Amino acid sequence: MEDFLIVLVIFGTLFGIMYVYLTVRNKERLALIEKGADAKLFKSETKYSWKNFALSSGMFLVGVALGVIVAGIIEATTTIDNEVAYPSMIFLFAGLSLIFYFFLARKLKNGK
């Protein structure tokens, strides 16, 4: 029963956050339109495409896999515990892959 309540609270919180976000955004937009703002103001020029999502998630997962491999090598060759090696290497390589994605996406965006 307690597990059900936890799941219910989590989903209720997420629903509440999304509801408040969408209603506030709608009220903001209506107020801007009433004051004579152009509707193009609401459309952003940069859109996040599926190609970007696929590249970023692919690079992230490759970073996680490299982190697991390196952590296994570190655990086998040194005296570092696996409780330290695995999380640290996974976070390190996942973070490095996302940093590398940032620079790669910027380079692709600029067309250089």
PDB file of N, CA and C in Angstrom:
ATOM      1  N   MET A   1       0.821  -1.190   0.000  1.00  0.00           N
ATOM      2  CA  MET A   1       0.000   0.000   0.000  1.00  0.00           C
ATOM      3  C   MET A   1       0.868   1.258   0.000  1.00  0.00           C
ATOM      4  N   GLU A   2       1.977   1.221   0.743  1.00  0.00           N
ATOM      5  CA  GLU A   2       2.853   2.384   0.815  1.00  0.00           C
ATOM      6  C   GLU A   2       3.520   2.648  -0.523  1.00  0.00           C
ATOM      7  N   ASP A   3       3.856   1.575  -1.247  1.00  0.00           N
ATOM      8  CA  ASP A   3       4.457   1.744  -2.562  1.00  0.00           C
ATOM      9  C   ASP A   3       3.497   2.435  -3.522  1.00  0.00           C
ATOM     10  N   PHE A   4       2.242   2.066  -3.439  1.00  0.00           N
ATOM     11  CA  PHE A   4       1.234   2.690  -4.289  1.00  0.00           C
ATOM     12  C   PHE A   4       1.108   4.175  -3.973  1.00  0.00           C
ATOM     13  N   LEU A   5       1.146   4.524  -2.701  1.00  0.00           N
ATOM     14  CA  LEU A   5       1.046   5.933  -2.315  1.00  0.00           C
ATOM     15  C   LEU A   5       2.248   6.723  -2.814  1.00  0.00           C
ATOM     16  N   ILE A   6       3.433   6.130  -2.774  1.00  0.00           N
ATOM     17  CA  ILE A   6       4.633   6.808  -3.257  1.00  0.00           C
ATOM     18  C   ILE A   6       4.509   7.089  -4.754  1.00  0.00           C
ATOM     19  N   VAL A   7       4.078   6.086  -5.518  1.00  0.00           N
ATOM     20  CA  VAL A   7       3.902   6.262  -6.960  1.00  0.00           C
ATOM     21  C   VAL A   7       2.821   7.299  -7.230  1.00  0.00           C
ATOM     22  N   LEU A   8       1.758   7.266  -6.475  1.00  0.00           N
ATOM     23  CA  LEU A   8       0.677   8.231  -6.641  1.00  0.00           C
ATOM     24  C   LEU A   8       1.158   9.651  -6.359  1.00  0.00           C
ATOM     25  N   VAL A   9       1.944   9.837  -5.314  1.00  0.00           N
ATOM     26  CA  VAL A   9       2.471  11.161  -4.980  1.00  0.00           C
ATOM     27  C   VAL A   9       3.421  11.648  -6.063  1.00  0.00           C
ATOM     28  N   ILE A  10       4.257  10.763  -6.581  1.00  0.00           N
ATOM     29  CA  ILE A  10       5.197  11.164  -7.634  1.00  0.00           C
ATOM     30  C   ILE A  10       4.443  11.612  -8.879  1.00  0.00           C
ATOM     31  N   PHE A  11       3.488  10.815  -9.344  1.00  0.00           N
ATOM     32  CA  PHE A  11       2.725  11.187 -10.527  1.00  0.00           C
ATOM     33  C   PHE A  11       1.863  12.416 -10.279  1.00  0.00           C
ATOM     34  N   GLY A  12       1.310  12.543  -9.093  1.00  0.00           N
ATOM     35  CA  GLY A  12       0.533  13.738  -8.765  1.00  0.00           C
ATOM     36  C   GLY A  12       1.388  14.993  -8.779  1.00  0.00           C
ATOM     37  N   THR A  13       2.600  14.891  -8.265  1.00  0.00           N
ATOM     38  CA  THR A  13       3.524  16.024  -8.268  1.00  0.00           C
ATOM     39  C   THR A  13       3.904  16.404  -9.690  1.00  0.00           C
ATOM     40  N   LEU A  14       4.233  15.409 -10.515  1.00  0.00           N
ATOM     41  CA  LEU A  14       4.583  15.685 -11.907  1.00  0.00           C
ATOM     42  C   LEU A  14       3.411  16.322 -12.654  1.00  0.00           C
ATOM     43  N   PHE A  15       2.213  15.803 -12.431  1.00  0.00           N
ATOM     44  CA  PHE A  15       1.032  16.381 -13.057  1.00  0.00           C
ATOM     45  C   PHE A  15       0.831  17.823 -12.609  1.00  0.00           C
ATOM     46  N   GLY A  16       0.984  18.071 -11.316  1.00  0.00           N
ATOM     47  CA  GLY A  16       0.811  19.424 -10.791  1.00  0.00           C
ATOM     48  C   GLY A  16       1.817  20.399 -11.369  1.00  0.00           C
ATOM     49  N   ILE A  17       3.056  19.980 -11.479  1.00  0.00           N
ATOM     50  CA  ILE A  17       4.095  20.847 -12.050  1.00  0.00           C
ATOM     51  C   ILE A  17       3.777  21.166 -13.501  1.00  0.00           C
ATOM     52  N   MET A  18       3.415  20.154 -14.274  1.00  0.00           N
ATOM     53  CA  MET A  18       3.101  20.379 -15.684  1.00  0.00           C
ATOM     54  C   MET A  18       1.859  21.254 -15.835  1.00  0.00           C
ATOM     55  N   TYR A  19       0.849  21.053 -15.006  1.00  0.00           N
ATOM     56  CA  TYR A  19      -0.373  21.851 -15.073  1.00  0.00           C
ATOM     57  C   TYR A  19      -0.075  23.316 -14.785  1.00  0.00           C
ATOM     58  N   VAL A  20       0.670  23.570 -13.727  1.00  0.00           N
ATOM     59  CA  VAL A  20       1.010  24.952 -13.381  1.00  0.00           C
ATOM     60  C   VAL A  20       1.858  25.583 -14.484  1.00  0.00           C
ATOM     61  N   TYR A  21       2.820  24.857 -15.006  1.00  0.00           N
ATOM     62  CA  TYR A  21       3.676  25.383 -16.078  1.00  0.00           C
ATOM     63  C   TYR A  21       2.857  25.765 -17.300  1.00  0.00           C
ATOM     64  N   LEU A  22       1.969  24.876 -17.734  1.00  0.00           N
ATOM     65  CA  LEU A  22       1.194  25.139 -18.941  1.00  0.00           C
ATOM     66  C   LEU A  22       0.177  26.259 -18.743  1.00  0.00           C
ATOM     67  N   THR A  23      -0.462  26.330 -17.584  1.00  0.00           N
ATOM     68  CA  THR A  23      -1.447  27.400 -17.367  1.00  0.00           C
ATOM     69  C   THR A  23      -0.760  28.758 -17.251  1.00  0.00           C
ATOM     70  N   VAL A  24       0.389  28.812 -16.591  1.00  0.00           N
ATOM     71  CA  VAL A  24       1.112  30.081 -16.478  1.00  0.00           C
ATOM     72  C   VAL A  24       1.616  30.524 -17.844  1.00  0.00           C
ATOM     73  N   ARG A  25       2.123  29.590 -18.637  1.00  0.00           N
ATOM     74  CA  ARG A  25       2.605  29.920 -19.976  1.00  0.00           C
ATOM     75  C   ARG A  25       1.458  30.443 -20.835  1.00  0.00           C
ATOM     76  N   ASN A  26       0.292  29.815 -20.736  1.00  0.00           N
ATOM     77  CA  ASN A  26      -0.866  30.254 -21.499  1.00  0.00           C
ATOM     78  C   ASN A  26      -1.287  31.659 -21.091  1.00  0.00           C
ATOM     79  N   LYS A  27      -1.310  31.935 -19.791  1.00  0.00           N
ATOM     80  CA  LYS A  27      -1.695  33.270 -19.321  1.00  0.00           C
ATOM     81  C   LYS A  27      -0.692  34.326 -19.778  1.00  0.00           C
ATOM     82  N   GLU A  28       0.582  33.984 -19.762  1.00  0.00           N
ATOM     83  CA  GLU A  28       1.612  34.907 -20.246  1.00  0.00           C
ATOM     84  C   GLU A  28       1.408  35.234 -21.718  1.00  0.00           C
ATOM     85  N   ARG A  29       1.176  34.216 -22.491  1.00  0.00           N
ATOM     86  CA  ARG A  29       0.989  34.415 -23.931  1.00  0.00           C
ATOM     87  C   ARG A  29      -0.260  35.229 -24.226  1.00  0.00           C
ATOM     88  N   LEU A  30      -1.336  34.942 -23.529  1.00  0.00           N
ATOM     89  CA  LEU A  30      -2.557  35.719 -23.728  1.00  0.00           C
ATOM     90  C   LEU A  30      -2.351  37.184 -23.355  1.00  0.00           C
ATOM     91  N   ALA A  31      -1.621  37.448 -22.279  1.00  0.00           N
ATOM     92  CA  ALA A  31      -1.350  38.824 -21.874  1.00  0.00           C
ATOM     93  C   ALA A  31      -0.495  39.539 -22.923  1.00  0.00           C
ATOM     94  N   LEU A  32       0.485  38.849 -23.488  1.00  0.00           N
ATOM     95  CA  LEU A  32       1.314  39.466 -24.522  1.00  0.00           C
ATOM     96  C   LEU A  32       0.510  39.736 -25.788  1.00  0.00           C
ATOM     97  N   ILE A  33      -0.381  38.818 -26.142  1.00  0.00           N
ATOM     98  CA  ILE A  33      -1.206  39.015 -27.334  1.00  0.00           C
ATOM     99  C   ILE A  33      -2.158  40.193 -27.125  1.00  0.00           C
ATOM    100  N   GLU A  34      -2.729  40.320 -25.931  1.00  0.00           N
ATOM    101  CA  GLU A  34      -3.617  41.436 -25.649  1.00  0.00           C
ATOM    102  C   GLU A  34      -2.901  42.775 -25.740  1.00  0.00           C
ATOM    103  N   LYS A  35      -1.617  42.785 -25.421  1.00  0.00           N
ATOM    104  CA  LYS A  35      -0.842  44.029 -25.504  1.00  0.00           C
ATOM    105  C   LYS A  35      -0.331  44.293 -26.906  1.00  0.00           C
ATOM    106  N   GLY A  36      -0.609  43.378 -27.840  1.00  0.00           N
ATOM    107  CA  GLY A  36      -0.244  43.611 -29.223  1.00  0.00           C
ATOM    108  C   GLY A  36       1.069  42.992 -29.653  1.00  0.00           C
ATOM    109  N   ALA A  37       1.582  42.037 -28.930  1.00  0.00           N
ATOM    110  CA  ALA A  37       2.825  41.370 -29.308  1.00  0.00           C
ATOM    111  C   ALA A  37       2.578  40.473 -30.515  1.00  0.00           C
ATOM    112  N   ASP A  38       3.614  40.291 -31.311  1.00  0.00           N
ATOM    113  CA  ASP A  38       3.516  39.455 -32.499  1.00  0.00           C
ATOM    114  C   ASP A  38       3.521  37.983 -32.101  1.00  0.00           C
ATOM    115  N   ALA A  39       2.748  37.177 -32.797  1.00  0.00           N
ATOM    116  CA  ALA A  39       2.660  35.748 -32.475  1.00  0.00           C
ATOM    117  C   ALA A  39       3.951  35.008 -32.794  1.00  0.00           C
ATOM    118  N   LYS A  40       4.798  35.577 -33.658  1.00  0.00           N
ATOM    119  CA  LYS A  40       6.076  34.935 -33.984  1.00  0.00           C
ATOM    120  C   LYS A  40       7.013  34.914 -32.785  1.00  0.00           C
ATOM    121  N   LEU A  41       6.707  35.701 -31.791  1.00  0.00           N
ATOM    122  CA  LEU A  41       7.517  35.750 -30.576  1.00  0.00           C
ATOM    123  C   LEU A  41       7.560  34.396 -29.871  1.00  0.00           C
ATOM    124  N   PHE A  42       6.519  33.596 -30.033  1.00  0.00           N
ATOM    125  CA  PHE A  42       6.415  32.328 -29.323  1.00  0.00           C
ATOM    126  C   PHE A  42       7.145  31.182 -30.002  1.00  0.00           C
ATOM    127  N   LYS A  43       7.524  31.367 -31.239  1.00  0.00           N
ATOM    128  CA  LYS A  43       8.231  30.309 -31.957  1.00  0.00           C
ATOM    129  C   LYS A  43       9.722  30.573 -31.881  1.00  0.00           C
ATOM    130  N   SER A  44      10.453  29.606 -31.367  1.00  0.00           N
ATOM    131  CA  SER A  44      11.906  29.773 -31.298  1.00  0.00           C
ATOM    132  C   SER A  44      12.514  29.442 -32.658  1.00  0.00           C
ATOM    133  N   GLU A  45      13.630  30.071 -32.950  1.00  0.00           N
ATOM    134  CA  GLU A  45      14.278  29.861 -34.237  1.00  0.00           C
ATOM    135  C   GLU A  45      15.040  28.544 -34.283  1.00  0.00           C
ATOM    136  N   THR A  46      15.566  28.133 -33.158  1.00  0.00           N
ATOM    137  CA  THR A  46      16.320  26.889 -33.138  1.00  0.00           C
ATOM    138  C   THR A  46      15.416  25.768 -32.641  1.00  0.00           C
ATOM    139  N   LYS A  47      15.367  24.717 -33.412  1.00  0.00           N
ATOM    140  CA  LYS A  47      14.579  23.557 -33.015  1.00  0.00           C
ATOM    141  C   LYS A  47      15.525  22.398 -32.768  1.00  0.00           C
ATOM    142  N   TYR A  48      15.173  21.609 -31.791  1.00  0.00           N
ATOM    143  CA  TYR A  48      15.968  20.444 -31.457  1.00  0.00           C
ATOM    144  C   TYR A  48      15.458  19.295 -32.305  1.00  0.00           C
ATOM    145  N   SER A  49      16.292  18.781 -33.190  1.00  0.00           N
ATOM    146  CA  SER A  49      15.850  17.742 -34.111  1.00  0.00           C
ATOM    147  C   SER A  49      16.153  16.354 -33.548  1.00  0.00           C
ATOM    148  N   TRP A  50      15.561  15.375 -34.181  1.00  0.00           N
ATOM    149  CA  TRP A  50      15.798  13.987 -33.776  1.00  0.00           C
ATOM    150  C   TRP A  50      17.229  13.569 -34.054  1.00  0.00           C
ATOM    151  N   LYS A  51      17.860  14.188 -35.068  1.00  0.00           N
ATOM    152  CA  LYS A  51      19.262  13.873 -35.343  1.00  0.00           C
ATOM    153  C   LYS A  51      20.132  14.286 -34.165  1.00  0.00           C
ATOM    154  N   ASN A  52      19.845  15.453 -33.597  1.00  0.00           N
ATOM    155  CA  ASN A  52      20.608  15.894 -32.430  1.00  0.00           C
ATOM    156  C   ASN A  52      20.364  14.988 -31.231  1.00  0.00           C
ATOM    157  N   PHE A  53      19.112  14.590 -31.048  1.00  0.00           N
ATOM    158  CA  PHE A  53      18.795  13.704 -29.932  1.00  0.00           C
ATOM    159  C   PHE A  53      19.488  12.355 -30.091  1.00  0.00           C
ATOM    160  N   ALA A  54      19.470  11.824 -31.311  1.00  0.00           N
ATOM    161  CA  ALA A  54      20.100  10.529 -31.553  1.00  0.00           C
ATOM    162  C   ALA A  54      21.607  10.615 -31.339  1.00  0.00           C
ATOM    163  N   LEU A  55      22.214  11.693 -31.800  1.00  0.00           N
ATOM    164  CA  LEU A  55      23.654  11.850 -31.624  1.00  0.00           C
ATOM    165  C   LEU A  55      24.019  12.010 -30.158  1.00  0.00           C
ATOM    166  N   SER A  56      23.279  12.848 -29.434  1.00  0.00           N
ATOM    167  CA  SER A  56      23.612  13.068 -28.026  1.00  0.00           C
ATOM    168  C   SER A  56      23.377  11.823 -27.181  1.00  0.00           C
ATOM    169  N   SER A  57      22.260  11.133 -27.414  1.00  0.00           N
ATOM    170  CA  SER A  57      22.000   9.934 -26.614  1.00  0.00           C
ATOM    171  C   SER A  57      22.954   8.812 -26.999  1.00  0.00           C
ATOM    172  N   GLY A  58      23.302   8.713 -28.269  1.00  0.00           N
ATOM    173  CA  GLY A  58      24.275   7.700 -28.686  1.00  0.00           C
ATOM    174  C   GLY A  58      25.639   7.948 -28.073  1.00  0.00           C
ATOM    175  N   MET A  59      26.076   9.189 -28.091  1.00  0.00           N
ATOM    176  CA  MET A  59      27.377   9.502 -27.492  1.00  0.00           C
ATOM    177  C   MET A  59      27.346   9.288 -25.986  1.00  0.00           C
ATOM    178  N   PHE A  60      26.228   9.615 -25.346  1.00  0.00           N
ATOM    179  CA  PHE A  60      26.100   9.396 -23.911  1.00  0.00           C
ATOM    180  C   PHE A  60      26.196   7.913 -23.568  1.00  0.00           C
ATOM    181  N   LEU A  61      25.488   7.079 -24.325  1.00  0.00           N
ATOM    182  CA  LEU A  61      25.510   5.643 -24.047  1.00  0.00           C
ATOM    183  C   LEU A  61      26.876   5.028 -24.340  1.00  0.00           C
ATOM    184  N   VAL A  62      27.561   5.532 -25.368  1.00  0.00           N
ATOM    185  CA  VAL A  62      28.927   5.066 -25.625  1.00  0.00           C
ATOM    186  C   VAL A  62      29.834   5.464 -24.467  1.00  0.00           C
ATOM    187  N   GLY A  63      29.639   6.663 -23.934  1.00  0.00           N
ATOM    188  CA  GLY A  63      30.419   7.091 -22.772  1.00  0.00           C
ATOM    189  C   GLY A  63      30.169   6.216 -21.553  1.00  0.00           C
ATOM    190  N   VAL A  64      28.913   5.845 -21.331  1.00  0.00           N
ATOM    191  CA  VAL A  64      28.592   4.959 -20.206  1.00  0.00           C
ATOM    192  C   VAL A  64      29.248   3.593 -20.405  1.00  0.00           C
ATOM    193  N   ALA A  65      29.176   3.070 -21.631  1.00  0.00           N
ATOM    194  CA  ALA A  65      29.792   1.762 -21.914  1.00  0.00           C
ATOM    195  C   ALA A  65      31.300   1.821 -21.728  1.00  0.00           C
ATOM    196  N   LEU A  66      31.930   2.887 -22.189  1.00  0.00           N
ATOM    197  CA  LEU A  66      33.375   3.027 -21.981  1.00  0.00           C
ATOM    198  C   LEU A  66      33.707   3.126 -20.498  1.00  0.00           C
ATOM    199  N   GLY A  67      32.847   3.809 -19.753  1.00  0.00           N
ATOM    200  CA  GLY A  67      33.053   3.907 -18.308  1.00  0.00           C
ATOM    201  C   GLY A  67      32.990   2.554 -17.633  1.00  0.00           C
ATOM    202  N   VAL A  68      32.063   1.717 -18.046  1.00  0.00           N
ATOM    203  CA  VAL A  68      31.948   0.368 -17.476  1.00  0.00           C
ATOM    204  C   VAL A  68      33.184  -0.463 -17.835  1.00  0.00           C
ATOM    205  N   ILE A  69      33.632  -0.372 -19.073  1.00  0.00           N
ATOM    206  CA  ILE A  69      34.811  -1.136 -19.498  1.00  0.00           C
ATOM    207  C   ILE A  69      36.048  -0.688 -18.738  1.00  0.00           C
ATOM    208  N   VAL A  70      36.266   0.627 -18.655  1.00  0.00           N
ATOM    209  CA  VAL A  70      37.442   1.143 -17.947  1.00  0.00           C
ATOM    210  C   VAL A  70      37.357   0.803 -16.466  1.00  0.00           C
ATOM    211  N   ALA A  71      36.180   0.873 -15.875  1.00  0.00           N
ATOM    212  CA  ALA A  71      36.033   0.516 -14.462  1.00  0.00           C
ATOM    213  C   ALA A  71      36.350  -0.955 -14.240  1.00  0.00           C
ATOM    214  N   GLY A  72      35.954  -1.819 -15.163  1.00  0.00           N
ATOM    215  CA  GLY A  72      36.304  -3.234 -15.045  1.00  0.00           C
ATOM    216  C   GLY A  72      37.802  -3.452 -15.120  1.00  0.00           C
ATOM    217  N   ILE A  73      38.450  -2.725 -16.009  1.00  0.00           N
ATOM    218  CA  ILE A  73      39.918  -2.829 -16.117  1.00  0.00           C
ATOM    219  C   ILE A  73      40.580  -2.307 -14.857  1.00  0.00           C
ATOM    220  N   ILE A  74      40.105  -1.182 -14.333  1.00  0.00           N
ATOM    221  CA  ILE A  74      40.680  -0.615 -13.106  1.00  0.00           C
ATOM    222  C   ILE A  74      40.480  -1.566 -11.932  1.00  0.00           C
ATOM    223  N   GLU A  75      39.294  -2.149 -11.847  1.00  0.00           N
ATOM    224  CA  GLU A  75      39.019  -3.074 -10.735  1.00  0.00           C
ATOM    225  C   GLU A  75      39.914  -4.306 -10.820  1.00  0.00           C
ATOM    226  N   ALA A  76      40.169  -4.787 -12.031  1.00  0.00           N
ATOM    227  CA  ALA A  76      40.973  -5.999 -12.191  1.00  0.00           C
ATOM    228  C   ALA A  76      42.462  -5.748 -11.973  1.00  0.00           C
ATOM    229  N   THR A  77      42.932  -4.553 -12.271  1.00  0.00           N
ATOM    230  CA  THR A  77      44.375  -4.300 -12.222  1.00  0.00           C
ATOM    231  C   THR A  77      44.831  -3.535 -10.994  1.00  0.00           C
ATOM    232  N   THR A  78      43.924  -2.915 -10.253  1.00  0.00           N
ATOM    233  CA  THR A  78      44.318  -2.145  -9.065  1.00  0.00           C
ATOM    234  C   THR A  78      43.563  -2.663  -7.845  1.00  0.00           C
ATOM    235  N   THR A  79      43.802  -2.007  -6.740  1.00  0.00           N
ATOM    236  CA  THR A  79      43.128  -2.399  -5.498  1.00  0.00           C
ATOM    237  C   THR A  79      41.910  -1.528  -5.204  1.00  0.00           C
ATOM    238  N   ILE A  80      41.484  -0.740  -6.171  1.00  0.00           N
ATOM    239  CA  ILE A  80      40.302   0.115  -5.989  1.00  0.00           C
ATOM    240  C   ILE A  80      39.052  -0.760  -5.990  1.00  0.00           C
ATOM    241  N   ASP A  81      38.154  -0.508  -5.040  1.00  0.00           N
ATOM    242  CA  ASP A  81      36.909  -1.265  -4.935  1.00  0.00           C
ATOM    243  C   ASP A  81      36.000  -0.986  -6.126  1.00  0.00           C
ATOM    244  N   ASN A  82      35.134  -1.955  -6.434  1.00  0.00           N
ATOM    245  CA  ASN A  82      34.199  -1.740  -7.529  1.00  0.00           C
ATOM    246  C   ASN A  82      33.126  -0.714  -7.177  1.00  0.00           C
ATOM    247  N   GLU A  83      32.856  -0.488  -5.873  1.00  0.00           N
ATOM    248  CA  GLU A  83      31.893   0.540  -5.467  1.00  0.00           C
ATOM    249  C   GLU A  83      32.380   1.943  -5.795  1.00  0.00           C
ATOM    250  N   VAL A  84      33.684   2.091  -5.934  1.00  0.00           N
ATOM    251  CA  VAL A  84      34.265   3.381  -6.291  1.00  0.00           C
ATOM    252  C   VAL A  84      34.539   3.446  -7.786  1.00  0.00           C
ATOM    253  N   ALA A  85      35.069   2.385  -8.339  1.00  0.00           N
ATOM    254  CA  ALA A  85      35.515   2.393  -9.733  1.00  0.00           C
ATOM    255  C   ALA A  85      34.350   2.560 -10.701  1.00  0.00           C
ATOM    256  N   TYR A  86      33.295   1.791 -10.538  1.00  0.00           N
ATOM    257  CA  TYR A  86      32.205   1.817 -11.517  1.00  0.00           C
ATOM    258  C   TYR A  86      31.465   3.157 -11.569  1.00  0.00           C
ATOM    259  N   PRO A  87      30.963   3.673 -10.449  1.00  0.00           N
ATOM    260  CA  PRO A  87      30.247   4.961 -10.559  1.00  0.00           C
ATOM    261  C   PRO A  87      31.140   6.091 -11.046  1.00  0.00           C
ATOM    262  N   SER A  88      32.377   6.145 -10.546  1.00  0.00           N
ATOM    263  CA  SER A  88      33.243   7.253 -10.939  1.00  0.00           C
ATOM    264  C   SER A  88      33.579   7.202 -12.423  1.00  0.00           C
ATOM    265  N   MET A  89      33.881   6.043 -12.950  1.00  0.00           N
ATOM    266  CA  MET A  89      34.224   5.941 -14.372  1.00  0.00           C
ATOM    267  C   MET A  89      33.000   6.145 -15.269  1.00  0.00           C
ATOM    268  N   ILE A  90      31.844   5.662 -14.827  1.00  0.00           N
ATOM    269  CA  ILE A  90      30.628   5.870 -15.619  1.00  0.00           C
ATOM    270  C   ILE A  90      30.308   7.360 -15.703  1.00  0.00           C
ATOM    271  N   PHE A  91      30.335   8.052 -14.566  1.00  0.00           N
ATOM    272  CA  PHE A  91      30.056   9.485 -14.580  1.00  0.00           C
ATOM    273  C   PHE A  91      31.127  10.264 -15.345  1.00  0.00           C
ATOM    274  N   LEU A  92      32.372   9.880 -15.192  1.00  0.00           N
ATOM    275  CA  LEU A  92      33.456  10.567 -15.888  1.00  0.00           C
ATOM    276  C   LEU A  92      33.305  10.445 -17.404  1.00  0.00           C
ATOM    277  N   PHE A  93      33.146   9.238 -17.908  1.00  0.00           N
ATOM    278  CA  PHE A  93      33.064   9.046 -19.351  1.00  0.00           C
ATOM    279  C   PHE A  93      31.737   9.545 -19.925  1.00  0.00           C
ATOM    280  N   ALA A  94      30.651   9.436 -19.171  1.00  0.00           N
ATOM    281  CA  ALA A  94      29.377   9.975 -19.644  1.00  0.00           C
ATOM    282  C   ALA A  94      29.462  11.498 -19.741  1.00  0.00           C
ATOM    283  N   GLY A  95      30.052  12.121 -18.745  1.00  0.00           N
ATOM    284  CA  GLY A  95      30.232  13.572 -18.780  1.00  0.00           C
ATOM    285  C   GLY A  95      31.152  14.017 -19.900  1.00  0.00           C
ATOM    286  N   LEU A  96      32.242  13.306 -20.093  1.00  0.00           N
ATOM    287  CA  LEU A  96      33.164  13.635 -21.186  1.00  0.00           C
ATOM    288  C   LEU A  96      32.488  13.489 -22.545  1.00  0.00           C
ATOM    289  N   SER A  97      31.663  12.465 -22.691  1.00  0.00           N
ATOM    290  CA  SER A  97      30.977  12.290 -23.974  1.00  0.00           C
ATOM    291  C   SER A  97      29.977  13.414 -24.225  1.00  0.00           C
ATOM    292  N   LEU A  98      29.304  13.900 -23.186  1.00  0.00           N
ATOM    293  CA  LEU A  98      28.371  15.010 -23.369  1.00  0.00           C
ATOM    294  C   LEU A  98      29.095  16.324 -23.654  1.00  0.00           C
ATOM    295  N   ILE A  99      30.258  16.517 -23.031  1.00  0.00           N
ATOM    296  CA  ILE A  99      31.071  17.697 -23.348  1.00  0.00           C
ATOM    297  C   ILE A  99      31.546  17.631 -24.793  1.00  0.00           C
ATOM    298  N   PHE A 100      31.978  16.455 -25.232  1.00  0.00           N
ATOM    299  CA  PHE A 100      32.408  16.278 -26.609  1.00  0.00           C
ATOM    300  C   PHE A 100      31.238  16.513 -27.564  1.00  0.00           C
ATOM    301  N   TYR A 101      30.043  16.062 -27.204  1.00  0.00           N
ATOM    302  CA  TYR A 101      28.859  16.314 -28.028  1.00  0.00           C
ATOM    303  C   TYR A 101      28.584  17.803 -28.154  1.00  0.00           C
ATOM    304  N   PHE A 102      28.744  18.547 -27.070  1.00  0.00           N
ATOM    305  CA  PHE A 102      28.509  19.986 -27.116  1.00  0.00           C
ATOM    306  C   PHE A 102      29.393  20.649 -28.160  1.00  0.00           C
ATOM    307  N   PHE A 103      30.685  20.327 -28.132  1.00  0.00           N
ATOM    308  CA  PHE A 103      31.594  20.934 -29.098  1.00  0.00           C
ATOM    309  C   PHE A 103      31.316  20.442 -30.517  1.00  0.00           C
ATOM    310  N   LEU A 104      30.972  19.180 -30.668  1.00  0.00           N
ATOM    311  CA  LEU A 104      30.668  18.640 -31.987  1.00  0.00           C
ATOM    312  C   LEU A 104      29.388  19.269 -32.552  1.00  0.00           C
ATOM    313  N   ALA A 105      28.362  19.431 -31.729  1.00  0.00           N
ATOM    314  CA  ALA A 105      27.107  20.034 -32.188  1.00  0.00           C
ATOM    315  C   ALA A 105      27.320  21.493 -32.562  1.00  0.00           C
ATOM    316  N   ARG A 106      28.135  22.186 -31.796  1.00  0.00           N
ATOM    317  CA  ARG A 106      28.420  23.583 -32.128  1.00  0.00           C
ATOM    318  C   ARG A 106      29.168  23.681 -33.448  1.00  0.00           C
ATOM    319  N   LYS A 107      30.101  22.763 -33.667  1.00  0.00           N
ATOM    320  CA  LYS A 107      30.854  22.750 -34.915  1.00  0.00           C
ATOM    321  C   LYS A 107      29.926  22.416 -36.091  1.00  0.00           C
ATOM    322  N   LEU A 108      29.027  21.455 -35.922  1.00  0.00           N
ATOM    323  CA  LEU A 108      28.086  21.096 -36.986  1.00  0.00           C
ATOM    324  C   LEU A 108      27.109  22.222 -37.271  1.00  0.00           C
ATOM    325  N   LYS A 109      26.713  22.955 -36.231  1.00  0.00           N
ATOM    326  CA  LYS A 109      25.764  24.060 -36.399  1.00  0.00           C
ATOM    327  C   LYS A 109      26.401  25.188 -37.197  1.00  0.00           C
ATOM    328  N   ASN A 110      27.666  25.463 -36.921  1.00  0.00           N
ATOM    329  CA  ASN A 110      28.351  26.548 -37.616  1.00  0.00           C
ATOM    330  C   ASN A 110      28.758  26.132 -39.031  1.00  0.00           C
ATOM    331  N   GLY A 111      28.749  24.856 -39.326  1.00  0.00           N
ATOM    332  CA  GLY A 111      29.071  24.376 -40.658  1.00  0.00           C
ATOM    333  C   GLY A 111      30.550  24.371 -40.969  1.00  0.00           C
ATOM    334  N   LYS A 112      31.363  24.307 -39.957  1.00  0.00           N
ATOM    335  CA  LYS A 112      32.819  24.309 -40.186  1.00  0.00           C
ATOM    336  C   LYS A 112      33.394  22.945 -40.015  1.00  0.00           C
TER     337      LYS A 112
END
